[in-house]
Amino acid sequence: MDIDTYFTDHWVEIEEDRIDRYERMFQWRESQRQQLAPALIEPGHRILDFGCGPGFLALALADMVGEEGRVYGADINARFVSDATQRATGKGNISFHHLSDHILPFDTESMDRVLAKNVLEYVPDIHATLAEMHRVLVPGGRIHVLDSDWGFVVVEPWGKAVVDRFFKAASVAFKEPHIGRKLVPLIRGAGLEVESATIEASLDTTGGGLSVLRNMRKYIGVFDTLKPEEADELIETAEQAVVDGSYLFALPQFVVTAKKPT
């Protein structure tokens, strides 16, 4: 693994234990419907789910657009594409596509909506990616982006200084770990008109966020960007905090919707 390209490489090749975690983490939940509301998704729409992962969101979108619409999932991980394709067996309004670079294999002005959920923080060239999203959108179409900003994470009982050190060590996994705060100017710079921009946050006090922390521990371990014993101790501290009731995890999501000018 090359530390300079790891932010992409670790999505091209995914270990089995991470696949299992993503199967749990990326399940569709009805509570996500509210996050999609600003995109104004309607029956008959053609939607690109960019960075579709295991396909659970794309399958939910296919139900929203109905038989007259169509959903295209796209991802750089071949396993995700294969598994998602199997999940979509019998559905005629959805397909999944394997990407090898930032060029989208879709016609210009062929999509009514482009969704990108927790993926722009990883792309090698955000300007090129946004330009491609702009290209495939019809005039009046919308891009809907949800992404994290790892500078806003709260983990208790670690405290801010420890959280900052831990996530700085894990930042090898991201091209832009602070993408959330940069989304609005980046999207405007791509020639899109921002319609709404919000931050959504929820508090986890029961241990759900431990999957995120364990993923970060994996990333840290690839290049030992933090002493292994310290990283392990922090995870153990968080796990024990769930038991004794002192645990809290929060990761705000930046949600931006923008329209392609007509």
Protein backbone atom coordinates (compact mmCIF):
# COMPACT_ATOMS: atom_id res chain seq x y z
CA MET A 1 0.00 0.00 0.00
CA ASP A 2 1.17 3.51 -0.88
CA ILE A 3 0.34 6.12 1.76
CA ASP A 4 -0.20 8.72 -0.97
CA THR A 5 -2.94 6.72 -2.71
CA TYR A 6 -4.35 4.75 0.20
CA PHE A 7 -7.48 6.95 0.31
CA THR A 8 -8.52 5.30 -2.99
CA ASP A 9 -6.71 1.96 -2.74
CA HIS A 10 -8.52 0.89 0.43
CA TRP A 11 -11.84 1.08 -1.43
CA VAL A 12 -10.60 -0.86 -4.44
CA GLU A 13 -9.53 -3.74 -2.19
CA ILE A 14 -11.61 -4.29 0.96
CA GLU A 15 -10.87 -6.90 3.61
CA GLU A 16 -13.63 -9.37 4.47
CA ASP A 17 -14.16 -8.02 7.99
CA ARG A 18 -14.71 -4.53 6.59
CA ILE A 19 -17.17 -5.91 4.04
CA ASP A 20 -19.11 -7.44 6.93
CA ARG A 21 -19.15 -4.14 8.84
CA TYR A 22 -20.32 -2.24 5.78
CA GLU A 23 -23.12 -4.75 5.29
CA ARG A 24 -24.39 -3.68 8.71
CA MET A 25 -23.53 0.02 8.55
CA PHE A 26 -25.03 0.72 5.11
CA GLN A 27 -28.40 -0.94 5.58
CA TRP A 28 -31.28 1.26 4.45
CA ARG A 29 -33.23 2.84 7.30
CA GLU A 30 -36.48 4.72 6.88
CA SER A 31 -34.99 7.57 8.92
CA GLN A 32 -32.72 8.26 5.92
CA ARG A 33 -35.73 9.30 3.85
CA GLN A 34 -35.72 12.69 5.57
CA GLN A 35 -32.08 13.24 4.56
CA LEU A 36 -33.10 12.77 0.93
CA ALA A 37 -36.07 15.15 1.09
CA PRO A 38 -34.24 18.23 -0.29
CA ALA A 39 -33.36 16.29 -3.45
CA LEU A 40 -37.07 16.26 -4.38
CA ILE A 41 -36.95 12.73 -5.79
CA GLU A 42 -40.03 11.83 -7.82
CA PRO A 43 -41.40 8.78 -9.64
CA GLY A 44 -39.90 8.54 -13.12
CA HIS A 45 -36.57 10.15 -12.20
CA ARG A 46 -33.26 8.78 -13.44
CA ILE A 47 -30.83 8.78 -10.51
CA LEU A 48 -27.11 8.12 -10.21
CA ASP A 49 -25.99 6.83 -6.82
CA PHE A 50 -22.28 7.71 -7.00
CA GLY A 51 -20.23 5.52 -4.65
CA CYS A 52 -23.16 3.16 -4.13
CA GLY A 53 -21.31 0.67 -1.92
CA PRO A 54 -23.30 -2.53 -1.24
CA GLY A 55 -26.35 -1.02 -2.96
CA PHE A 56 -28.87 -0.64 -0.14
CA LEU A 57 -29.50 3.07 -0.78
CA ALA A 58 -29.78 2.50 -4.54
CA LEU A 59 -32.39 -0.21 -3.99
CA ALA A 60 -34.45 2.13 -1.83
CA LEU A 61 -34.16 4.82 -4.51
CA ALA A 62 -35.40 2.34 -7.11
CA ASP A 63 -38.59 1.92 -5.09
CA MET A 64 -38.98 5.71 -4.92
CA VAL A 65 -38.68 6.29 -8.67
CA GLY A 66 -40.90 3.35 -9.58
CA GLU A 67 -40.99 1.32 -12.76
CA GLU A 68 -40.91 4.41 -14.98
CA GLY A 69 -37.71 5.66 -13.38
CA ARG A 70 -34.27 4.13 -13.18
CA VAL A 71 -31.38 4.05 -10.72
CA TYR A 72 -27.73 3.59 -11.66
CA GLY A 73 -25.33 2.61 -8.89
CA ALA A 74 -21.62 3.17 -9.50
CA ASP A 75 -18.62 2.20 -7.38
CA ILE A 76 -14.88 1.50 -7.67
CA ASN A 77 -15.14 -1.73 -5.68
CA ALA A 78 -15.96 -4.75 -7.83
CA ARG A 79 -17.27 -6.77 -4.86
CA PHE A 80 -19.76 -4.04 -4.00
CA VAL A 81 -20.98 -3.94 -7.59
CA SER A 82 -21.32 -7.72 -7.77
CA ASP A 83 -23.14 -8.03 -4.43
CA ALA A 84 -25.45 -5.11 -5.25
CA THR A 85 -26.27 -6.61 -8.64
CA GLN A 86 -27.29 -9.87 -6.95
CA ARG A 87 -29.47 -7.96 -4.47
CA ALA A 88 -31.23 -6.28 -7.38
CA THR A 89 -32.16 -9.55 -9.08
CA GLY A 90 -35.67 -9.28 -10.49
CA LYS A 91 -35.74 -5.47 -10.45
CA GLY A 92 -35.88 -3.98 -13.95
CA ASN A 93 -35.26 -0.36 -13.00
CA ILE A 94 -31.79 -0.56 -11.44
CA SER A 95 -28.28 -1.46 -12.56
CA PHE A 96 -24.80 -1.27 -11.05
CA HIS A 97 -21.60 -0.18 -12.78
CA HIS A 98 -17.93 -0.65 -11.91
CA LEU A 99 -15.80 2.50 -12.16
CA SER A 100 -12.06 2.54 -12.80
CA ASP A 101 -11.57 6.34 -12.79
CA HIS A 102 -13.54 9.56 -12.35
CA ILE A 103 -15.16 9.37 -15.79
CA LEU A 104 -18.81 8.39 -15.46
CA PRO A 105 -20.02 5.86 -18.07
CA PHE A 106 -23.24 7.77 -18.72
CA ASP A 107 -24.42 10.12 -21.43
CA THR A 108 -24.34 13.90 -21.02
CA GLU A 109 -27.59 15.25 -19.54
CA SER A 110 -28.91 11.75 -18.81
CA MET A 111 -29.63 12.03 -15.07
CA ASP A 112 -32.31 13.94 -13.14
CA ARG A 113 -30.50 13.49 -9.83
CA VAL A 114 -26.98 12.62 -8.69
CA LEU A 115 -26.53 11.44 -5.10
CA ALA A 116 -23.19 11.11 -3.32
CA LYS A 117 -23.35 9.84 0.26
CA ASN A 118 -20.09 9.80 2.23
CA VAL A 119 -17.92 9.44 -0.87
CA LEU A 120 -16.55 12.84 -1.94
CA GLU A 121 -14.06 12.78 0.94
CA TYR A 122 -12.26 9.96 -0.91
CA VAL A 123 -12.17 11.04 -4.57
CA PRO A 124 -8.70 11.85 -5.99
CA ASP A 125 -9.83 15.02 -7.79
CA ILE A 126 -12.97 16.63 -6.37
CA HIS A 127 -13.11 19.23 -9.16
CA ALA A 128 -13.02 16.56 -11.88
CA THR A 129 -15.66 14.49 -10.09
CA LEU A 130 -18.02 17.43 -9.65
CA ALA A 131 -17.50 18.38 -13.29
CA GLU A 132 -18.60 14.87 -14.31
CA MET A 133 -21.66 15.10 -12.07
CA HIS A 134 -22.51 18.44 -13.67
CA ARG A 135 -22.09 16.90 -17.14
CA VAL A 136 -24.49 14.00 -16.62
CA LEU A 137 -27.20 16.12 -15.00
CA VAL A 138 -30.03 17.48 -17.11
CA PRO A 139 -30.56 21.27 -16.89
CA GLY A 140 -32.65 21.77 -13.77
CA GLY A 141 -31.40 18.48 -12.31
CA ARG A 142 -30.07 18.30 -8.78
CA ILE A 143 -26.99 17.00 -7.01
CA HIS A 144 -27.54 15.89 -3.41
CA VAL A 145 -24.43 15.36 -1.28
CA LEU A 146 -24.09 14.02 2.24
CA ASP A 147 -20.63 13.89 3.75
CA SER A 148 -18.69 13.96 6.96
CA ASP A 149 -16.16 16.36 8.40
CA TRP A 150 -13.79 14.52 10.68
CA GLY A 151 -12.82 17.74 12.44
CA PHE A 152 -16.22 17.80 14.14
CA VAL A 153 -16.20 14.34 15.72
CA VAL A 154 -16.99 13.92 19.41
CA VAL A 155 -15.93 10.78 21.23
CA GLU A 156 -16.32 10.52 24.98
CA PRO A 157 -14.63 9.78 27.26
CA TRP A 158 -11.61 10.49 25.01
CA GLY A 159 -11.83 14.29 24.99
CA LYS A 160 -11.04 16.66 22.11
CA ALA A 161 -7.23 16.46 22.13
CA VAL A 162 -7.27 12.66 21.92
CA VAL A 163 -10.00 12.65 19.28
CA ASP A 164 -8.01 15.08 17.13
CA ARG A 165 -4.85 12.95 17.41
CA PHE A 166 -6.72 9.72 16.64
CA PHE A 167 -8.47 11.08 13.55
CA LYS A 168 -5.37 12.83 12.28
CA ALA A 169 -3.66 9.43 12.38
CA ALA A 170 -6.63 7.91 10.52
CA SER A 171 -6.70 10.68 7.90
CA VAL A 172 -4.53 8.58 5.55
CA ALA A 173 -7.86 7.01 4.57
CA PHE A 174 -9.26 10.29 3.22
CA LYS A 175 -8.26 12.58 0.39
CA GLU A 176 -10.08 15.43 2.16
CA PRO A 177 -11.06 14.59 5.76
CA HIS A 178 -12.67 18.04 6.16
CA ILE A 179 -14.80 17.87 3.01
CA GLY A 180 -17.99 18.79 4.87
CA ARG A 181 -17.06 22.42 5.51
CA LYS A 182 -15.83 22.81 1.93
CA LEU A 183 -18.84 21.39 0.08
CA VAL A 184 -20.75 24.61 -0.53
CA PRO A 185 -17.92 26.57 -2.23
CA LEU A 186 -16.79 23.49 -4.14
CA ILE A 187 -20.26 22.79 -5.49
CA ARG A 188 -20.79 26.44 -6.40
CA GLY A 189 -17.43 26.40 -8.15
CA ALA A 190 -18.66 23.51 -10.29
CA GLY A 191 -21.37 25.74 -11.74
CA LEU A 192 -24.25 24.52 -9.59
CA GLU A 193 -26.71 26.68 -7.67
CA VAL A 194 -26.83 25.70 -3.98
CA GLU A 195 -30.43 25.45 -2.82
CA SER A 196 -29.93 24.21 0.73
CA ALA A 197 -27.07 23.41 3.09
CA THR A 198 -27.59 21.95 6.54
CA ILE A 199 -25.78 19.99 9.23
CA GLU A 200 -27.48 16.97 10.72
CA ALA A 201 -26.17 15.38 13.87
CA SER A 202 -27.24 12.52 16.10
CA LEU A 203 -25.79 11.18 19.33
CA ASP A 204 -24.85 7.54 19.75
CA THR A 205 -24.73 6.39 23.36
CA THR A 206 -25.16 2.64 22.85
CA GLY A 207 -22.06 1.67 20.83
CA GLY A 208 -23.19 1.94 17.22
CA GLY A 209 -20.32 4.31 16.44
CA LEU A 210 -17.76 1.75 17.56
CA SER A 211 -17.85 0.34 14.01
CA VAL A 212 -16.57 3.69 12.75
CA LEU A 213 -13.83 3.80 15.39
CA ARG A 214 -12.76 0.24 14.60
CA ASN A 215 -12.54 1.12 10.91
CA MET A 216 -10.33 4.08 11.81
CA ARG A 217 -8.16 1.78 13.91
CA LYS A 218 -7.70 -0.41 10.83
CA TYR A 219 -6.59 2.58 8.77
CA ILE A 220 -4.15 3.68 11.48
CA GLY A 221 -2.65 0.21 11.58
CA VAL A 222 -1.76 0.11 7.89
CA PHE A 223 1.06 2.63 8.32
CA ASP A 224 1.21 2.77 12.16
CA THR A 225 0.43 6.48 12.12
CA LEU A 226 -0.25 6.16 15.85
CA LYS A 227 1.49 3.82 18.28
CA PRO A 228 -0.42 0.51 18.06
CA GLU A 229 -0.66 0.13 21.81
CA GLU A 230 -2.16 3.63 22.16
CA ALA A 231 -4.67 3.03 19.35
CA ASP A 232 -5.74 -0.30 20.89
CA GLU A 233 -6.07 1.25 24.33
CA LEU A 234 -8.33 3.99 22.97
CA ILE A 235 -10.65 1.45 21.36
CA GLU A 236 -10.75 -0.56 24.56
CA THR A 237 -11.54 2.61 26.52
CA ALA A 238 -14.45 3.39 24.18
CA GLU A 239 -15.76 -0.17 24.44
CA GLN A 240 -15.60 -0.08 28.23
CA ALA A 241 -17.34 3.30 28.21
CA VAL A 242 -20.33 1.69 26.50
CA VAL A 243 -20.54 -0.75 29.39
CA ASP A 244 -20.21 1.85 32.15
CA GLY A 245 -22.43 4.44 30.48
CA SER A 246 -19.83 7.16 29.83
CA TYR A 247 -19.66 6.62 26.04
CA LEU A 248 -20.85 9.16 23.47
CA PHE A 249 -20.17 9.43 19.74
CA ALA A 250 -21.28 12.17 17.35
CA LEU A 251 -20.35 12.77 13.72
CA PRO A 252 -22.30 15.58 12.03
CA GLN A 253 -23.32 15.10 8.41
CA PHE A 254 -23.20 18.04 5.99
CA VAL A 255 -26.13 17.87 3.57
CA VAL A 256 -26.02 20.04 0.44
CA THR A 257 -28.48 20.15 -2.45
CA ALA A 258 -27.70 22.12 -5.61
CA LYS A 259 -29.37 22.64 -8.98
CA LYS A 260 -27.89 22.72 -12.46
CA PRO A 261 -28.94 25.98 -14.12
CA THR A 262 -31.47 25.73 -16.92
